[in-house]
Amino acid sequence: MSERLDTSVADALREWRTAEQAAAVARRGRVAAQVAAEAAAEAAVAAAATAEAAKRSLEAATAAEASAAKTAASAKLAALTSDADLAETSSEESMAAVSEAEAKARYRAASDRATRSTDEGP
């Protein structure tokens, strides 16, 4: 910019104030851009941390699902085994009841024979 010697003091002051305002606006713009860049960098770090947390959460959920499936399978096996045990013990109980009834009948028959032979005498 070439110097003008014929510029008045008032005009020079006005030019200086205008240039000073433009410089202040430019500084504020640079500071704002710098703050925005820093915020964007922090947001990128936070997004990466969030993505990592989501990945870990998915891994944990997948492991929990697998564990729940194994637990369900074990519970089903336990229930089936219990059902089989119940059926077996019910069958054993029925057989024992039949054996008891037969033994009771044999006892009564023997007792009746003993009573008759005592009543009839020798």
PDB file of N, CA and C in Angstrom:
ATOM      1  N   MET A   1       0.826  -1.165   0.000  1.00  0.00           N
ATOM      2  CA  MET A   1       0.000   0.000   0.000  1.00  0.00           C
ATOM      3  C   MET A   1       0.878   1.239   0.000  1.00  0.00           C
ATOM      4  N   SER A   2       0.629   2.090  -0.938  1.00  0.00           N
ATOM      5  CA  SER A   2       1.458   3.302  -1.038  1.00  0.00           C
ATOM      6  C   SER A   2       0.949   4.351  -0.071  1.00  0.00           C
ATOM      7  N   GLU A   3       1.885   5.068   0.492  1.00  0.00           N
ATOM      8  CA  GLU A   3       1.517   6.107   1.455  1.00  0.00           C
ATOM      9  C   GLU A   3       1.010   7.322   0.716  1.00  0.00           C
ATOM     10  N   ARG A   4      -0.043   7.834   1.278  1.00  0.00           N
ATOM     11  CA  ARG A   4      -0.544   9.071   0.695  1.00  0.00           C
ATOM     12  C   ARG A   4      -0.221  10.193   1.665  1.00  0.00           C
ATOM     13  N   LEU A   5       0.514  11.134   1.181  1.00  0.00           N
ATOM     14  CA  LEU A   5       0.946  12.238   2.030  1.00  0.00           C
ATOM     15  C   LEU A   5      -0.159  13.276   2.223  1.00  0.00           C
ATOM     16  N   ASP A   6      -1.092  13.252   1.347  1.00  0.00           N
ATOM     17  CA  ASP A   6      -2.131  14.268   1.440  1.00  0.00           C
ATOM     18  C   ASP A   6      -3.332  13.818   2.277  1.00  0.00           C
ATOM     19  N   THR A   7      -3.258  12.627   2.956  1.00  0.00           N
ATOM     20  CA  THR A   7      -4.341  12.129   3.769  1.00  0.00           C
ATOM     21  C   THR A   7      -4.449  12.968   5.026  1.00  0.00           C
ATOM     22  N   SER A   8      -5.677  13.290   5.376  1.00  0.00           N
ATOM     23  CA  SER A   8      -5.888  14.078   6.589  1.00  0.00           C
ATOM     24  C   SER A   8      -5.750  13.175   7.812  1.00  0.00           C
ATOM     25  N   VAL A   9      -5.594  13.756   8.942  1.00  0.00           N
ATOM     26  CA  VAL A   9      -5.471  13.019  10.195  1.00  0.00           C
ATOM     27  C   VAL A   9      -6.771  12.255  10.456  1.00  0.00           C
ATOM     28  N   ALA A  10      -7.886  12.855  10.202  1.00  0.00           N
ATOM     29  CA  ALA A  10      -9.178  12.213  10.444  1.00  0.00           C
ATOM     30  C   ALA A  10      -9.342  11.009   9.526  1.00  0.00           C
ATOM     31  N   ASP A  11      -8.957  11.158   8.247  1.00  0.00           N
ATOM     32  CA  ASP A  11      -9.064  10.031   7.314  1.00  0.00           C
ATOM     33  C   ASP A  11      -8.092   8.915   7.701  1.00  0.00           C
ATOM     34  N   ALA A  12      -6.910   9.291   8.084  1.00  0.00           N
ATOM     35  CA  ALA A  12      -5.912   8.295   8.487  1.00  0.00           C
ATOM     36  C   ALA A  12      -6.387   7.537   9.724  1.00  0.00           C
ATOM     37  N   LEU A  13      -6.977   8.295  10.671  1.00  0.00           N
ATOM     38  CA  LEU A  13      -7.491   7.651  11.873  1.00  0.00           C
ATOM     39  C   LEU A  13      -8.636   6.699  11.529  1.00  0.00           C
ATOM     40  N   ARG A  14      -9.523   7.124  10.624  1.00  0.00           N
ATOM     41  CA  ARG A  14     -10.630   6.283  10.202  1.00  0.00           C
ATOM     42  C   ARG A  14     -10.105   5.011   9.522  1.00  0.00           C
ATOM     43  N   GLU A  15      -9.091   5.139   8.673  1.00  0.00           N
ATOM     44  CA  GLU A  15      -8.505   3.971   7.991  1.00  0.00           C
ATOM     45  C   GLU A  15      -7.869   3.023   9.003  1.00  0.00           C
ATOM     46  N   TRP A  16      -7.196   3.640   9.979  1.00  0.00           N
ATOM     47  CA  TRP A  16      -6.546   2.822  11.002  1.00  0.00           C
ATOM     48  C   TRP A  16      -7.594   2.053  11.800  1.00  0.00           C
ATOM     49  N   ARG A  17      -8.697   2.709  12.215  1.00  0.00           N
ATOM     50  CA  ARG A  17      -9.758   2.068  12.980  1.00  0.00           C
ATOM     51  C   ARG A  17     -10.404   0.943  12.165  1.00  0.00           C
ATOM     52  N   THR A  18     -10.590   1.176  10.870  1.00  0.00           N
ATOM     53  CA  THR A  18     -11.180   0.152  10.009  1.00  0.00           C
ATOM     54  C   THR A  18     -10.248  -1.047   9.902  1.00  0.00           C
ATOM     55  N   ALA A  19      -8.965  -0.797   9.720  1.00  0.00           N
ATOM     56  CA  ALA A  19      -7.979  -1.883   9.625  1.00  0.00           C
ATOM     57  C   ALA A  19      -7.872  -2.625  10.956  1.00  0.00           C
ATOM     58  N   GLU A  20      -7.935  -1.865  12.043  1.00  0.00           N
ATOM     59  CA  GLU A  20      -7.862  -2.463  13.376  1.00  0.00           C
ATOM     60  C   GLU A  20      -9.080  -3.367  13.608  1.00  0.00           C
ATOM     61  N   GLN A  21     -10.262  -2.931  13.218  1.00  0.00           N
ATOM     62  CA  GLN A  21     -11.471  -3.736  13.365  1.00  0.00           C
ATOM     63  C   GLN A  21     -11.393  -5.004  12.508  1.00  0.00           C
ATOM     64  N   ALA A  22     -10.884  -4.869  11.302  1.00  0.00           N
ATOM     65  CA  ALA A  22     -10.737  -6.031  10.419  1.00  0.00           C
ATOM     66  C   ALA A  22      -9.765  -7.034  11.018  1.00  0.00           C
ATOM     67  N   ALA A  23      -8.676  -6.525  11.616  1.00  0.00           N
ATOM     68  CA  ALA A  23      -7.698  -7.418  12.248  1.00  0.00           C
ATOM     69  C   ALA A  23      -8.319  -8.118  13.454  1.00  0.00           C
ATOM     70  N   ALA A  24      -9.132  -7.400  14.241  1.00  0.00           N
ATOM     71  CA  ALA A  24      -9.774  -7.998  15.409  1.00  0.00           C
ATOM     72  C   ALA A  24     -10.768  -9.076  14.975  1.00  0.00           C
ATOM     73  N   VAL A  25     -11.536  -8.799  13.932  1.00  0.00           N
ATOM     74  CA  VAL A  25     -12.469  -9.794  13.417  1.00  0.00           C
ATOM     75  C   VAL A  25     -11.714 -11.020  12.918  1.00  0.00           C
ATOM     76  N   ALA A  26     -10.608 -10.810  12.239  1.00  0.00           N
ATOM     77  CA  ALA A  26      -9.802 -11.928  11.737  1.00  0.00           C
ATOM     78  C   ALA A  26      -9.237 -12.749  12.892  1.00  0.00           C
ATOM     79  N   ARG A  27      -8.774 -12.050  13.965  1.00  0.00           N
ATOM     80  CA  ARG A  27      -8.251 -12.773  15.140  1.00  0.00           C
ATOM     81  C   ARG A  27      -9.352 -13.609  15.793  1.00  0.00           C
ATOM     82  N   ARG A  28     -10.544 -13.004  15.956  1.00  0.00           N
ATOM     83  CA  ARG A  28     -11.661 -13.743  16.552  1.00  0.00           C
ATOM     84  C   ARG A  28     -12.035 -14.940  15.681  1.00  0.00           C
ATOM     85  N   GLY A  29     -11.995 -14.763  14.382  1.00  0.00           N
ATOM     86  CA  GLY A  29     -12.291 -15.872  13.462  1.00  0.00           C
ATOM     87  C   GLY A  29     -11.265 -16.985  13.590  1.00  0.00           C
ATOM     88  N   ARG A  30      -9.980 -16.608  13.715  1.00  0.00           N
ATOM     89  CA  ARG A  30      -8.925 -17.609  13.873  1.00  0.00           C
ATOM     90  C   ARG A  30      -9.083 -18.345  15.192  1.00  0.00           C
ATOM     91  N   VAL A  31      -9.388 -17.614  16.275  1.00  0.00           N
ATOM     92  CA  VAL A  31      -9.577 -18.239  17.587  1.00  0.00           C
ATOM     93  C   VAL A  31     -10.787 -19.169  17.545  1.00  0.00           C
ATOM     94  N   ALA A  32     -11.861 -18.717  16.928  1.00  0.00           N
ATOM     95  CA  ALA A  32     -13.055 -19.555  16.822  1.00  0.00           C
ATOM     96  C   ALA A  32     -12.756 -20.820  16.020  1.00  0.00           C
ATOM     97  N   ALA A  33     -12.017 -20.687  14.933  1.00  0.00           N
ATOM     98  CA  ALA A  33     -11.658 -21.850  14.122  1.00  0.00           C
ATOM     99  C   ALA A  33     -10.757 -22.800  14.910  1.00  0.00           C
ATOM    100  N   GLN A  34      -9.845 -22.234  15.696  1.00  0.00           N
ATOM    101  CA  GLN A  34      -8.953 -23.066  16.508  1.00  0.00           C
ATOM    102  C   GLN A  34      -9.755 -23.829  17.568  1.00  0.00           C
ATOM    103  N   VAL A  35     -10.684 -23.150  18.224  1.00  0.00           N
ATOM    104  CA  VAL A  35     -11.523 -23.798  19.241  1.00  0.00           C
ATOM    105  C   VAL A  35     -12.377 -24.885  18.590  1.00  0.00           C
ATOM    106  N   ALA A  36     -12.922 -24.594  17.414  1.00  0.00           N
ATOM    107  CA  ALA A  36     -13.731 -25.594  16.710  1.00  0.00           C
ATOM    108  C   ALA A  36     -12.895 -26.805  16.334  1.00  0.00           C
ATOM    109  N   ALA A  37     -11.660 -26.582  15.921  1.00  0.00           N
ATOM    110  CA  ALA A  37     -10.777 -27.698  15.564  1.00  0.00           C
ATOM    111  C   ALA A  37     -10.454 -28.546  16.793  1.00  0.00           C
ATOM    112  N   GLU A  38     -10.216 -27.897  17.921  1.00  0.00           N
ATOM    113  CA  GLU A  38      -9.940 -28.628  19.158  1.00  0.00           C
ATOM    114  C   GLU A  38     -11.170 -29.426  19.601  1.00  0.00           C
ATOM    115  N   ALA A  39     -12.333 -28.808  19.484  1.00  0.00           N
ATOM    116  CA  ALA A  39     -13.573 -29.502  19.847  1.00  0.00           C
ATOM    117  C   ALA A  39     -13.804 -30.699  18.938  1.00  0.00           C
ATOM    118  N   ALA A  40     -13.507 -30.533  17.657  1.00  0.00           N
ATOM    119  CA  ALA A  40     -13.668 -31.650  16.717  1.00  0.00           C
ATOM    120  C   ALA A  40     -12.705 -32.785  17.055  1.00  0.00           C
ATOM    121  N   ALA A  41     -11.478 -32.441  17.449  1.00  0.00           N
ATOM    122  CA  ALA A  41     -10.501 -33.473  17.827  1.00  0.00           C
ATOM    123  C   ALA A  41     -10.975 -34.219  19.075  1.00  0.00           C
ATOM    124  N   GLU A  42     -11.498 -33.472  20.053  1.00  0.00           N
ATOM    125  CA  GLU A  42     -12.021 -34.111  21.268  1.00  0.00           C
ATOM    126  C   GLU A  42     -13.237 -34.981  20.950  1.00  0.00           C
ATOM    127  N   ALA A  43     -14.070 -34.513  20.041  1.00  0.00           N
ATOM    128  CA  ALA A  43     -15.239 -35.303  19.640  1.00  0.00           C
ATOM    129  C   ALA A  43     -14.809 -36.588  18.948  1.00  0.00           C
ATOM    130  N   ALA A  44     -13.758 -36.517  18.162  1.00  0.00           N
ATOM    131  CA  ALA A  44     -13.255 -37.722  17.489  1.00  0.00           C
ATOM    132  C   ALA A  44     -12.739 -38.728  18.515  1.00  0.00           C
ATOM    133  N   VAL A  45     -12.040 -38.257  19.516  1.00  0.00           N
ATOM    134  CA  VAL A  45     -11.541 -39.151  20.583  1.00  0.00           C
ATOM    135  C   VAL A  45     -12.723 -39.763  21.334  1.00  0.00           C
ATOM    136  N   ALA A  46     -13.720 -38.926  21.650  1.00  0.00           N
ATOM    137  CA  ALA A  46     -14.894 -39.423  22.360  1.00  0.00           C
ATOM    138  C   ALA A  46     -15.656 -40.434  21.509  1.00  0.00           C
ATOM    139  N   ALA A  47     -15.761 -40.184  20.212  1.00  0.00           N
ATOM    140  CA  ALA A  47     -16.454 -41.122  19.322  1.00  0.00           C
ATOM    141  C   ALA A  47     -15.711 -42.451  19.262  1.00  0.00           C
ATOM    142  N   ALA A  48     -14.389 -42.404  19.222  1.00  0.00           N
ATOM    143  CA  ALA A  48     -13.604 -43.640  19.204  1.00  0.00           C
ATOM    144  C   ALA A  48     -13.801 -44.415  20.511  1.00  0.00           C
ATOM    145  N   ALA A  49     -13.817 -43.692  21.638  1.00  0.00           N
ATOM    146  CA  ALA A  49     -14.035 -44.349  22.932  1.00  0.00           C
ATOM    147  C   ALA A  49     -15.439 -44.950  22.995  1.00  0.00           C
ATOM    148  N   THR A  50     -16.422 -44.239  22.461  1.00  0.00           N
ATOM    149  CA  THR A  50     -17.789 -44.755  22.438  1.00  0.00           C
ATOM    150  C   THR A  50     -17.880 -46.000  21.570  1.00  0.00           C
ATOM    151  N   ALA A  51     -17.216 -45.984  20.432  1.00  0.00           N
ATOM    152  CA  ALA A  51     -17.218 -47.149  19.548  1.00  0.00           C
ATOM    153  C   ALA A  51     -16.563 -48.348  20.234  1.00  0.00           C
ATOM    154  N   GLU A  52     -15.473 -48.111  20.947  1.00  0.00           N
ATOM    155  CA  GLU A  52     -14.798 -49.195  21.670  1.00  0.00           C
ATOM    156  C   GLU A  52     -15.693 -49.735  22.775  1.00  0.00           C
ATOM    157  N   ALA A  53     -16.376 -48.841  23.496  1.00  0.00           N
ATOM    158  CA  ALA A  53     -17.296 -49.276  24.552  1.00  0.00           C
ATOM    159  C   ALA A  53     -18.446 -50.082  23.962  1.00  0.00           C
ATOM    160  N   ALA A  54     -18.957 -49.651  22.829  1.00  0.00           N
ATOM    161  CA  ALA A  54     -20.036 -50.388  22.173  1.00  0.00           C
ATOM    162  C   ALA A  54     -19.564 -51.773  21.743  1.00  0.00           C
ATOM    163  N   LYS A  55     -18.337 -51.838  21.252  1.00  0.00           N
ATOM    164  CA  LYS A  55     -17.772 -53.132  20.846  1.00  0.00           C
ATOM    165  C   LYS A  55     -17.660 -54.064  22.049  1.00  0.00           C
ATOM    166  N   ARG A  56     -17.150 -53.535  23.155  1.00  0.00           N
ATOM    167  CA  ARG A  56     -17.022 -54.342  24.382  1.00  0.00           C
ATOM    168  C   ARG A  56     -18.402 -54.760  24.887  1.00  0.00           C
ATOM    169  N   SER A  57     -19.364 -53.857  24.801  1.00  0.00           N
ATOM    170  CA  SER A  57     -20.723 -54.174  25.236  1.00  0.00           C
ATOM    171  C   SER A  57     -21.308 -55.294  24.388  1.00  0.00           C
ATOM    172  N   LEU A  58     -21.081 -55.236  23.093  1.00  0.00           N
ATOM    173  CA  LEU A  58     -21.559 -56.294  22.203  1.00  0.00           C
ATOM    174  C   LEU A  58     -20.896 -57.624  22.545  1.00  0.00           C
ATOM    175  N   GLU A  59     -19.588 -57.582  22.815  1.00  0.00           N
ATOM    176  CA  GLU A  59     -18.880 -58.810  23.197  1.00  0.00           C
ATOM    177  C   GLU A  59     -19.473 -59.383  24.488  1.00  0.00           C
ATOM    178  N   ALA A  60     -19.743 -58.503  25.458  1.00  0.00           N
ATOM    179  CA  ALA A  60     -20.311 -58.960  26.734  1.00  0.00           C
ATOM    180  C   ALA A  60     -21.710 -59.528  26.522  1.00  0.00           C
ATOM    181  N   ALA A  61     -22.496 -58.869  25.692  1.00  0.00           N
ATOM    182  CA  ALA A  61     -23.852 -59.358  25.422  1.00  0.00           C
ATOM    183  C   ALA A  61     -23.810 -60.704  24.710  1.00  0.00           C
ATOM    184  N   THR A  62     -22.873 -60.865  23.796  1.00  0.00           N
ATOM    185  CA  THR A  62     -22.725 -62.131  23.079  1.00  0.00           C
ATOM    186  C   THR A  62     -22.325 -63.244  24.052  1.00  0.00           C
ATOM    187  N   ALA A  63     -21.391 -62.931  24.947  1.00  0.00           N
ATOM    188  CA  ALA A  63     -20.975 -63.924  25.950  1.00  0.00           C
ATOM    189  C   ALA A  63     -22.132 -64.258  26.888  1.00  0.00           C
ATOM    190  N   ALA A  64     -22.903 -63.245  27.282  1.00  0.00           N
ATOM    191  CA  ALA A  64     -24.052 -63.489  28.167  1.00  0.00           C
ATOM    192  C   ALA A  64     -25.097 -64.351  27.463  1.00  0.00           C
ATOM    193  N   GLU A  65     -25.297 -64.108  26.178  1.00  0.00           N
ATOM    194  CA  GLU A  65     -26.263 -64.914  25.426  1.00  0.00           C
ATOM    195  C   GLU A  65     -25.806 -66.371  25.349  1.00  0.00           C
ATOM    196  N   ALA A  66     -24.514 -66.574  25.097  1.00  0.00           N
ATOM    197  CA  ALA A  66     -23.987 -67.940  25.029  1.00  0.00           C
ATOM    198  C   ALA A  66     -24.118 -68.628  26.386  1.00  0.00           C
ATOM    199  N   SER A  67     -23.824 -67.893  27.447  1.00  0.00           N
ATOM    200  CA  SER A  67     -23.949 -68.459  28.794  1.00  0.00           C
ATOM    201  C   SER A  67     -25.401 -68.801  29.112  1.00  0.00           C
ATOM    202  N   ALA A  68     -26.307 -67.921  28.736  1.00  0.00           N
ATOM    203  CA  ALA A  68     -27.731 -68.182  28.977  1.00  0.00           C
ATOM    204  C   ALA A  68     -28.195 -69.410  28.204  1.00  0.00           C
ATOM    205  N   ALA A  69     -27.710 -69.577  26.986  1.00  0.00           N
ATOM    206  CA  ALA A  69     -28.090 -70.752  26.187  1.00  0.00           C
ATOM    207  C   ALA A  69     -27.569 -72.032  26.846  1.00  0.00           C
ATOM    208  N   LYS A  70     -26.340 -71.985  27.357  1.00  0.00           N
ATOM    209  CA  LYS A  70     -25.788 -73.159  28.041  1.00  0.00           C
ATOM    210  C   LYS A  70     -26.583 -73.464  29.313  1.00  0.00           C
ATOM    211  N   THR A  71     -26.935 -72.416  30.051  1.00  0.00           N
ATOM    212  CA  THR A  71     -27.719 -72.601  31.272  1.00  0.00           C
ATOM    213  C   THR A  71     -29.081 -73.200  30.951  1.00  0.00           C
ATOM    214  N   ALA A  72     -29.700 -72.702  29.894  1.00  0.00           N
ATOM    215  CA  ALA A  72     -31.008 -73.235  29.486  1.00  0.00           C
ATOM    216  C   ALA A  72     -30.892 -74.701  29.085  1.00  0.00           C
ATOM    217  N   ALA A  73     -29.842 -75.040  28.360  1.00  0.00           N
ATOM    218  CA  ALA A  73     -29.646 -76.433  27.958  1.00  0.00           C
ATOM    219  C   ALA A  73     -29.429 -77.320  29.187  1.00  0.00           C
ATOM    220  N   SER A  74     -28.646 -76.825  30.143  1.00  0.00           N
ATOM    221  CA  SER A  74     -28.417 -77.590  31.379  1.00  0.00           C
ATOM    222  C   SER A  74     -29.707 -77.753  32.169  1.00  0.00           C
ATOM    223  N   ALA A  75     -30.493 -76.691  32.241  1.00  0.00           N
ATOM    224  CA  ALA A  75     -31.765 -76.764  32.962  1.00  0.00           C
ATOM    225  C   ALA A  75     -32.712 -77.750  32.285  1.00  0.00           C
ATOM    226  N   LYS A  76     -32.723 -77.747  30.964  1.00  0.00           N
ATOM    227  CA  LYS A  76     -33.587 -78.682  30.242  1.00  0.00           C
ATOM    228  C   LYS A  76     -33.146 -80.119  30.517  1.00  0.00           C
ATOM    229  N   LEU A  77     -31.833 -80.348  30.488  1.00  0.00           N
ATOM    230  CA  LEU A  77     -31.310 -81.681  30.775  1.00  0.00           C
ATOM    231  C   LEU A  77     -31.665 -82.097  32.204  1.00  0.00           C
ATOM    232  N   ALA A  78     -31.524 -81.172  33.141  1.00  0.00           N
ATOM    233  CA  ALA A  78     -31.871 -81.481  34.538  1.00  0.00           C
ATOM    234  C   ALA A  78     -33.360 -81.813  34.662  1.00  0.00           C
ATOM    235  N   ALA A  79     -34.189 -81.059  33.958  1.00  0.00           N
ATOM    236  CA  ALA A  79     -35.635 -81.326  34.005  1.00  0.00           C
ATOM    237  C   ALA A  79     -35.957 -82.687  33.403  1.00  0.00           C
ATOM    238  N   LEU A  80     -35.328 -83.006  32.275  1.00  0.00           N
ATOM    239  CA  LEU A  80     -35.572 -84.309  31.644  1.00  0.00           C
ATOM    240  C   LEU A  80     -35.093 -85.445  32.536  1.00  0.00           C
ATOM    241  N   THR A  81     -33.929 -85.248  33.160  1.00  0.00           N
ATOM    242  CA  THR A  81     -33.399 -86.260  34.069  1.00  0.00           C
ATOM    243  C   THR A  81     -34.323 -86.438  35.268  1.00  0.00           C
ATOM    244  N   SER A  82     -34.823 -85.322  35.805  1.00  0.00           N
ATOM    245  CA  SER A  82     -35.752 -85.391  36.937  1.00  0.00           C
ATOM    246  C   SER A  82     -37.025 -86.114  36.537  1.00  0.00           C
ATOM    247  N   ASP A  83     -37.532 -85.827  35.338  1.00  0.00           N
ATOM    248  CA  ASP A  83     -38.728 -86.519  34.852  1.00  0.00           C
ATOM    249  C   ASP A  83     -38.477 -88.023  34.750  1.00  0.00           C
ATOM    250  N   ALA A  84     -37.311 -88.386  34.229  1.00  0.00           N
ATOM    251  CA  ALA A  84     -36.973 -89.806  34.098  1.00  0.00           C
ATOM    252  C   ALA A  84     -36.840 -90.444  35.473  1.00  0.00           C
ATOM    253  N   ASP A  85     -36.190 -89.740  36.395  1.00  0.00           N
ATOM    254  CA  ASP A  85     -36.058 -90.260  37.761  1.00  0.00           C
ATOM    255  C   ASP A  85     -37.425 -90.436  38.416  1.00  0.00           C
ATOM    256  N   LEU A  86     -38.312 -89.469  38.201  1.00  0.00           N
ATOM    257  CA  LEU A  86     -39.654 -89.557  38.769  1.00  0.00           C
ATOM    258  C   LEU A  86     -40.397 -90.765  38.201  1.00  0.00           C
ATOM    259  N   ALA A  87     -40.292 -90.951  36.901  1.00  0.00           N
ATOM    260  CA  ALA A  87     -40.964 -92.097  36.272  1.00  0.00           C
ATOM    261  C   ALA A  87     -40.394 -93.398  36.826  1.00  0.00           C
ATOM    262  N   GLU A  88     -39.085 -93.454  36.976  1.00  0.00           N
ATOM    263  CA  GLU A  88     -38.448 -94.670  37.487  1.00  0.00           C
ATOM    264  C   GLU A  88     -38.857 -94.937  38.934  1.00  0.00           C
ATOM    265  N   THR A  89     -38.856 -93.896  39.762  1.00  0.00           N
ATOM    266  CA  THR A  89     -39.244 -94.111  41.162  1.00  0.00           C
ATOM    267  C   THR A  89     -40.727 -94.439  41.281  1.00  0.00           C
ATOM    268  N   SER A  90     -41.550 -93.871  40.407  1.00  0.00           N
ATOM    269  CA  SER A  90     -42.976 -94.218  40.411  1.00  0.00           C
ATOM    270  C   SER A  90     -43.155 -95.680  40.056  1.00  0.00           C
ATOM    271  N   SER A  91     -42.394 -96.140  39.086  1.00  0.00           N
ATOM    272  CA  SER A  91     -42.457 -97.545  38.681  1.00  0.00           C
ATOM    273  C   SER A  91     -41.973 -98.442  39.820  1.00  0.00           C
ATOM    274  N   GLU A  92     -40.863 -98.050  40.451  1.00  0.00           N
ATOM    275  CA  GLU A  92     -40.339 -98.835  41.569  1.00  0.00           C
ATOM    276  C   GLU A  92     -41.343 -98.863  42.728  1.00  0.00           C
ATOM    277  N   GLU A  93     -41.999 -97.719  42.973  1.00  0.00           N
ATOM    278  CA  GLU A  93     -42.987 -97.659  44.037  1.00  0.00           C
ATOM    279  C   GLU A  93     -44.157 -98.597  43.726  1.00  0.00           C
ATOM    280  N   SER A  94     -44.598 -98.608  42.490  1.00  0.00           N
ATOM    281  CA  SER A  94     -45.700 -99.499  42.095  1.00  0.00           C
ATOM    282  C   SER A  94     -45.306-100.953  42.264  1.00  0.00           C
ATOM    283  N   MET A  95     -44.093-101.292  41.848  1.00  0.00           N
ATOM    284  CA  MET A  95     -43.619-102.676  41.983  1.00  0.00           C
ATOM    285  C   MET A  95     -43.498-103.052  43.460  1.00  0.00           C
ATOM    286  N   ALA A  96     -43.038-102.122  44.299  1.00  0.00           N
ATOM    287  CA  ALA A  96     -42.918-102.396  45.730  1.00  0.00           C
ATOM    288  C   ALA A  96     -44.299-102.592  46.343  1.00  0.00           C
ATOM    289  N   ALA A  97     -45.274-101.791  45.902  1.00  0.00           N
ATOM    290  CA  ALA A  97     -46.639-101.943  46.417  1.00  0.00           C
ATOM    291  C   ALA A  97     -47.209-103.303  46.038  1.00  0.00           C
ATOM    292  N   VAL A  98     -46.947-103.755  44.806  1.00  0.00           N
ATOM    293  CA  VAL A  98     -47.409-105.080  44.372  1.00  0.00           C
ATOM    294  C   VAL A  98     -46.728-106.152  45.211  1.00  0.00           C
ATOM    295  N   SER A  99     -45.410-106.034  45.396  1.00  0.00           N
ATOM    296  CA  SER A  99     -44.673-107.018  46.204  1.00  0.00           C
ATOM    297  C   SER A  99     -45.199-107.047  47.629  1.00  0.00           C
ATOM    298  N   GLU A 100     -45.494-105.857  48.182  1.00  0.00           N
ATOM    299  CA  GLU A 100     -46.029-105.792  49.542  1.00  0.00           C
ATOM    300  C   GLU A 100     -47.395-106.484  49.614  1.00  0.00           C
ATOM    301  N   ALA A 101     -48.256-106.221  48.635  1.00  0.00           N
ATOM    302  CA  ALA A 101     -49.587-106.844  48.622  1.00  0.00           C
ATOM    303  C   ALA A 101     -49.464-108.354  48.509  1.00  0.00           C
ATOM    304  N   GLU A 102     -48.549-108.829  47.663  1.00  0.00           N
ATOM    305  CA  GLU A 102     -48.352-110.277  47.525  1.00  0.00           C
ATOM    306  C   GLU A 102     -47.841-110.883  48.831  1.00  0.00           C
ATOM    307  N   ALA A 103     -46.873-110.210  49.470  1.00  0.00           N
ATOM    308  CA  ALA A 103     -46.324-110.709  50.731  1.00  0.00           C
ATOM    309  C   ALA A 103     -47.404-110.713  51.823  1.00  0.00           C
ATOM    310  N   LYS A 104     -48.235-109.689  51.835  1.00  0.00           N
ATOM    311  CA  LYS A 104     -49.320-109.626  52.809  1.00  0.00           C
ATOM    312  C   LYS A 104     -50.307-110.782  52.590  1.00  0.00           C
ATOM    313  N   ALA A 105     -50.606-111.038  51.314  1.00  0.00           N
ATOM    314  CA  ALA A 105     -51.523-112.138  50.996  1.00  0.00           C
ATOM    315  C   ALA A 105     -50.918-113.474  51.424  1.00  0.00           C
ATOM    316  N   ARG A 106     -49.611-113.658  51.178  1.00  0.00           N
ATOM    317  CA  ARG A 106     -48.951-114.908  51.592  1.00  0.00           C
ATOM    318  C   ARG A 106     -48.957-115.046  53.115  1.00  0.00           C
ATOM    319  N   TYR A 107     -48.737-113.916  53.821  1.00  0.00           N
ATOM    320  CA  TYR A 107     -48.772-113.957  55.288  1.00  0.00           C
ATOM    321  C   TYR A 107     -50.159-114.365  55.784  1.00  0.00           C
ATOM    322  N   ARG A 108     -51.191-113.749  55.232  1.00  0.00           N
ATOM    323  CA  ARG A 108     -52.554-114.071  55.670  1.00  0.00           C
ATOM    324  C   ARG A 108     -52.893-115.546  55.388  1.00  0.00           C
ATOM    325  N   ALA A 109     -52.459-115.995  54.227  1.00  0.00           N
ATOM    326  CA  ALA A 109     -52.729-117.403  53.890  1.00  0.00           C
ATOM    327  C   ALA A 109     -52.021-118.321  54.875  1.00  0.00           C
ATOM    328  N   ALA A 110     -50.757-118.012  55.167  1.00  0.00           N
ATOM    329  CA  ALA A 110     -50.003-118.837  56.114  1.00  0.00           C
ATOM    330  C   ALA A 110     -50.624-118.749  57.497  1.00  0.00           C
ATOM    331  N   SER A 111     -51.031-117.548  57.877  1.00  0.00           N
ATOM    332  CA  SER A 111     -51.650-117.360  59.192  1.00  0.00           C
ATOM    333  C   SER A 111     -52.974-118.123  59.277  1.00  0.00           C
ATOM    334  N   ASP A 112     -53.758-118.050  58.205  1.00  0.00           N
ATOM    335  CA  ASP A 112     -55.027-118.785  58.182  1.00  0.00           C
ATOM    336  C   ASP A 112     -54.778-120.292  58.283  1.00  0.00           C
ATOM    337  N   ARG A 113     -53.786-120.787  57.559  1.00  0.00           N
ATOM    338  CA  ARG A 113     -53.474-122.225  57.614  1.00  0.00           C
ATOM    339  C   ARG A 113     -53.044-122.611  59.015  1.00  0.00           C
ATOM    340  N   ALA A 114     -52.243-121.724  59.627  1.00  0.00           N
ATOM    341  CA  ALA A 114     -51.768-122.026  60.988  1.00  0.00           C
ATOM    342  C   ALA A 114     -52.936-122.031  61.964  1.00  0.00           C
ATOM    343  N   THR A 115     -53.860-121.107  61.808  1.00  0.00           N
ATOM    344  CA  THR A 115     -55.018-121.043  62.700  1.00  0.00           C
ATOM    345  C   THR A 115     -55.899-122.268  62.507  1.00  0.00           C
ATOM    346  N   ARG A 116     -56.122-122.691  61.290  1.00  0.00           N
ATOM    347  CA  ARG A 116     -56.957-123.868  61.008  1.00  0.00           C
ATOM    348  C   ARG A 116     -56.289-125.128  61.552  1.00  0.00           C
ATOM    349  N   SER A 117     -55.022-125.225  61.387  1.00  0.00           N
ATOM    350  CA  SER A 117     -54.387-126.454  61.868  1.00  0.00           C
ATOM    351  C   SER A 117     -54.380-126.473  63.395  1.00  0.00           C
ATOM    352  N   THR A 118     -54.346-125.301  64.038  1.00  0.00           N
ATOM    353  CA  THR A 118     -54.440-125.254  65.480  1.00  0.00           C
ATOM    354  C   THR A 118     -55.847-125.578  65.928  1.00  0.00           C
ATOM    355  N   ASP A 119     -56.842-125.105  65.199  1.00  0.00           N
ATOM    356  CA  ASP A 119     -58.252-125.346  65.536  1.00  0.00           C
ATOM    357  C   ASP A 119     -58.601-126.841  65.312  1.00  0.00           C
ATOM    358  N   GLU A 120     -58.075-127.445  64.337  1.00  0.00           N
ATOM    359  CA  GLU A 120     -58.412-128.852  64.004  1.00  0.00           C
ATOM    360  C   GLU A 120     -57.684-129.789  64.944  1.00  0.00           C
ATOM    361  N   GLY A 121     -56.652-129.371  65.453  1.00  0.00           N
ATOM    362  CA  GLY A 121     -55.914-130.203  66.379  1.00  0.00           C
ATOM    363  C   GLY A 121     -55.172-131.322  65.699  1.00  0.00           C
ATOM    364  N   PRO A 122     -54.344-132.030  66.471  1.00  0.00           N
ATOM    365  CA  PRO A 122     -53.552-133.119  65.877  1.00  0.00           C
ATOM    366  C   PRO A 122     -54.323-134.361  65.670  1.00  0.00           C
TER     367      PRO A 122
END
